Amino acid sequence: MSSPSLPPHSADPQFPPPSASTRTQANPAHRHASAAQDQQLALDSGVLVVRLAVGLIMAAHGSQKLFRWFDGSGLSGTTDFFASEGYKAARAMAWIAALTETFCGLGLAVGLFTPLAAAGVLGVMLNAIAVTWDGGFFAPEGIEYQLVLLSGAVAVALTGPGRLAADQLLPGLRDHRFPRGVAAVALGVVSAVFVLVVLRD
């Protein structure tokens, strides 16, 4: 006489069938993917903080030059400053500095055309370091503050803007490439050297 067959997944109160979530958690591949997603989110969030800090600070300085906001000296005061530091075509340099700081700062903050934005910030900060070099390292006369902003721009250029950036909407810039970041750093350095060597006495 045959014993009655048990229905599939017969209930044993002491050994319940594994749930879908338990099977998923036991899957090493899923755990690895989840850890990678967490790491990517952490990287994106960290880069976003750096972009916002450096970009908005630069844009604020640019608005001081362009619009006299935040007790800025405006284009006339900026022109006088460049002239006093030995820059040729001081008025043109004032416009270049104001526009670069404003729009490259905003671009860096929102992650739009990030390599070019980072290159612009880098170029401006290298010039600022050259101007304040004789003041030593520590603020307010030294290069400490400028070096922090420069380092942030270089870090974003090399790392990329992350996924929390407007560049994600642009097919050509969606996927960051390290050589592109190196090229952005090189562009910033070359432009700064050109200004210091050719356009400054």
Protein backbone atom coordinates (compact mmCIF):
# COMPACT_ATOMS: atom_id res chain seq x y z
CA MET A 1 0.00 0.00 0.00
CA SER A 2 1.59 3.27 -1.12
CA SER A 3 1.90 6.23 1.21
CA PRO A 4 0.01 9.35 0.26
CA SER A 5 2.12 11.80 -1.72
CA LEU A 6 2.86 15.14 -0.14
CA PRO A 7 1.99 18.35 -1.99
CA PRO A 8 4.88 20.39 -3.30
CA HIS A 9 6.58 22.52 -0.64
CA SER A 10 4.72 20.67 2.09
CA ALA A 11 4.65 22.77 5.18
CA ASP A 12 7.04 21.80 7.93
CA PRO A 13 6.76 24.43 10.66
CA GLN A 14 10.37 23.90 11.67
CA PHE A 15 11.85 24.18 8.15
CA PRO A 16 9.91 26.71 6.08
CA PRO A 17 10.83 27.05 2.41
CA PRO A 18 13.36 29.82 1.73
CA SER A 19 11.82 33.09 0.69
CA ALA A 20 12.84 34.98 -2.43
CA SER A 21 14.61 37.62 -0.36
CA THR A 22 16.58 34.95 1.52
CA ARG A 23 17.67 33.31 -1.71
CA THR A 24 18.67 36.72 -3.11
CA GLN A 25 20.69 37.63 -0.03
CA ALA A 26 22.48 34.29 -0.20
CA ASN A 27 23.52 34.96 -3.78
CA PRO A 28 27.14 36.22 -3.81
CA ALA A 29 26.67 37.89 -7.17
CA HIS A 30 23.76 39.94 -5.82
CA ARG A 31 25.73 40.97 -2.75
CA HIS A 32 28.62 42.08 -4.96
CA ALA A 33 26.29 44.08 -7.21
CA SER A 34 24.63 45.74 -4.23
CA ALA A 35 28.00 46.69 -2.75
CA ALA A 36 29.10 48.13 -6.11
CA GLN A 37 25.93 50.22 -6.32
CA ASP A 38 26.48 51.57 -2.81
CA GLN A 39 30.07 52.43 -3.66
CA GLN A 40 29.02 54.21 -6.86
CA LEU A 41 26.38 56.21 -5.01
CA ALA A 42 28.92 57.22 -2.38
CA LEU A 43 31.35 58.34 -5.10
CA ASP A 44 28.65 60.29 -6.96
CA SER A 45 27.55 62.02 -3.75
CA GLY A 46 31.09 62.93 -2.74
CA VAL A 47 31.93 64.36 -6.16
CA LEU A 48 28.67 66.32 -6.10
CA VAL A 49 29.66 67.99 -2.83
CA VAL A 50 33.06 68.98 -4.26
CA ARG A 51 31.47 70.27 -7.46
CA LEU A 52 28.93 72.38 -5.61
CA ALA A 53 31.46 73.82 -3.17
CA VAL A 54 34.14 74.73 -5.73
CA GLY A 55 31.72 75.70 -8.48
CA LEU A 56 29.48 77.98 -6.43
CA ILE A 57 32.45 79.68 -4.77
CA MET A 58 33.96 80.39 -8.18
CA ALA A 59 30.64 81.61 -9.58
CA ALA A 60 30.23 83.95 -6.60
CA HIS A 61 33.67 85.45 -7.25
CA GLY A 62 32.78 85.88 -10.91
CA SER A 63 29.55 87.65 -10.03
CA GLN A 64 31.57 90.07 -7.90
CA LYS A 65 33.51 91.02 -11.00
CA LEU A 66 30.62 91.02 -13.46
CA PHE A 67 27.77 92.49 -11.41
CA ARG A 68 29.41 93.93 -8.27
CA TRP A 69 27.43 91.41 -6.23
CA PHE A 70 28.57 90.49 -2.72
CA ASP A 71 30.42 93.80 -2.34
CA GLY A 72 32.49 93.11 -5.43
CA SER A 73 34.65 95.64 -7.22
CA GLY A 74 33.05 95.13 -10.62
CA LEU A 75 34.85 95.15 -13.93
CA SER A 76 36.46 98.54 -13.31
CA GLY A 77 38.01 97.44 -10.03
CA THR A 78 39.08 94.13 -11.56
CA THR A 79 40.68 95.97 -14.45
CA ASP A 80 42.66 98.12 -12.03
CA PHE A 81 43.78 95.00 -10.19
CA PHE A 82 45.05 93.27 -13.32
CA ALA A 83 46.84 96.44 -14.39
CA SER A 84 48.54 96.72 -11.00
CA GLU A 85 49.73 93.11 -11.29
CA GLY A 86 51.37 93.72 -14.65
CA TYR A 87 48.83 92.07 -16.94
CA LYS A 88 48.62 93.42 -20.48
CA ALA A 89 45.17 94.33 -21.82
CA ALA A 90 43.90 94.57 -18.27
CA ARG A 91 40.32 95.30 -19.34
CA ALA A 92 40.20 92.18 -21.53
CA MET A 93 41.72 90.14 -18.71
CA ALA A 94 39.03 91.41 -16.34
CA TRP A 95 36.33 90.22 -18.73
CA ILE A 96 38.03 86.86 -19.23
CA ALA A 97 38.43 86.29 -15.51
CA ALA A 98 34.87 87.37 -14.71
CA LEU A 99 33.27 85.22 -17.40
CA THR A 100 35.47 82.21 -16.69
CA GLU A 101 34.82 82.27 -12.96
CA THR A 102 31.08 82.77 -13.39
CA PHE A 103 30.26 80.29 -16.13
CA CYS A 104 32.91 77.67 -15.44
CA GLY A 105 31.91 77.81 -11.79
CA LEU A 106 28.25 77.27 -12.65
CA GLY A 107 29.17 74.53 -15.12
CA LEU A 108 31.19 72.75 -12.48
CA ALA A 109 28.38 73.05 -9.92
CA VAL A 110 25.73 71.50 -12.15
CA GLY A 111 28.14 69.14 -13.92
CA LEU A 112 27.68 70.62 -17.39
CA PHE A 113 30.62 70.37 -19.79
CA THR A 114 32.57 69.40 -16.70
CA PRO A 115 36.02 68.89 -18.29
CA LEU A 116 35.99 72.39 -19.79
CA ALA A 117 34.58 73.91 -16.61
CA ALA A 118 37.28 72.27 -14.51
CA ALA A 119 39.96 73.44 -16.96
CA GLY A 120 38.70 77.02 -16.68
CA VAL A 121 38.72 76.96 -12.89
CA LEU A 122 42.20 75.42 -12.89
CA GLY A 123 43.54 78.11 -15.21
CA VAL A 124 42.12 80.93 -13.11
CA MET A 125 43.44 79.46 -9.87
CA LEU A 126 46.94 78.98 -11.28
CA ASN A 127 46.98 82.68 -12.14
CA ALA A 128 45.68 83.53 -8.69
CA ILE A 129 48.45 81.46 -7.11
CA ALA A 130 51.06 83.23 -9.24
CA VAL A 131 49.74 86.59 -8.09
CA THR A 132 49.69 85.70 -4.37
CA TRP A 133 52.83 83.54 -4.35
CA ASP A 134 54.86 86.08 -2.39
CA GLY A 135 52.30 86.08 0.41
CA GLY A 136 53.36 82.68 1.70
CA PHE A 137 51.12 79.66 2.18
CA PHE A 138 48.51 80.52 4.79
CA ALA A 139 45.44 82.70 4.22
CA PRO A 140 44.53 85.47 3.87
CA GLU A 141 47.65 86.60 1.99
CA GLY A 142 48.96 83.16 1.00
CA ILE A 143 48.01 80.56 -1.60
CA GLU A 144 46.21 78.20 0.78
CA TYR A 145 42.67 79.09 -0.34
CA GLN A 146 43.48 79.10 -4.06
CA LEU A 147 45.23 75.75 -3.75
CA VAL A 148 42.14 74.15 -2.20
CA LEU A 149 39.92 75.34 -5.07
CA LEU A 150 42.52 74.26 -7.63
CA SER A 151 42.75 70.80 -6.07
CA GLY A 152 38.98 70.41 -6.14
CA ALA A 153 38.84 71.31 -9.83
CA VAL A 154 41.62 68.86 -10.68
CA ALA A 155 39.94 66.11 -8.65
CA VAL A 156 36.64 66.56 -10.51
CA ALA A 157 38.41 66.69 -13.87
CA LEU A 158 40.20 63.40 -13.24
CA THR A 159 37.36 61.58 -11.45
CA GLY A 160 34.54 62.86 -13.61
CA PRO A 161 31.35 64.63 -12.54
CA GLY A 162 29.60 61.48 -11.37
CA ARG A 163 26.11 60.39 -12.29
CA LEU A 164 24.44 63.29 -10.45
CA ALA A 165 25.43 65.73 -13.17
CA ALA A 166 23.94 67.41 -16.23
CA ASP A 167 26.57 65.71 -18.39
CA GLN A 168 24.54 62.52 -17.98
CA LEU A 169 22.08 64.04 -20.46
CA LEU A 170 24.78 64.51 -23.10
CA PRO A 171 25.69 61.34 -25.04
CA GLY A 172 29.26 62.40 -25.66
CA LEU A 173 29.97 63.18 -22.01
CA ARG A 174 27.82 60.59 -20.28
CA ASP A 175 30.66 58.12 -19.88
CA HIS A 176 33.72 59.72 -18.31
CA ARG A 177 37.14 58.73 -19.60
CA PHE A 178 40.31 59.30 -17.60
CA PRO A 179 42.28 60.58 -20.64
CA ARG A 180 39.60 63.25 -21.06
CA GLY A 181 40.24 64.39 -17.50
CA VAL A 182 43.99 64.48 -18.08
CA ALA A 183 43.41 66.55 -21.23
CA ALA A 184 41.26 68.99 -19.22
CA VAL A 185 44.02 69.41 -16.63
CA ALA A 186 46.58 69.93 -19.38
CA LEU A 187 44.33 72.54 -21.04
CA GLY A 188 44.02 74.46 -17.78
CA VAL A 189 47.76 74.41 -17.17
CA VAL A 190 48.64 75.43 -20.74
CA SER A 191 46.14 78.30 -20.74
CA ALA A 192 47.45 79.58 -17.40
CA VAL A 193 51.07 79.40 -18.55
CA PHE A 194 50.19 81.24 -21.74
CA VAL A 195 48.53 84.07 -19.80
CA LEU A 196 51.38 84.34 -17.31
CA VAL A 197 54.15 84.23 -19.90
CA VAL A 198 52.61 86.15 -22.80
CA LEU A 199 50.04 88.44 -21.21
CA ARG A 200 51.86 89.47 -18.05
CA ASP A 201 54.94 91.59 -17.73
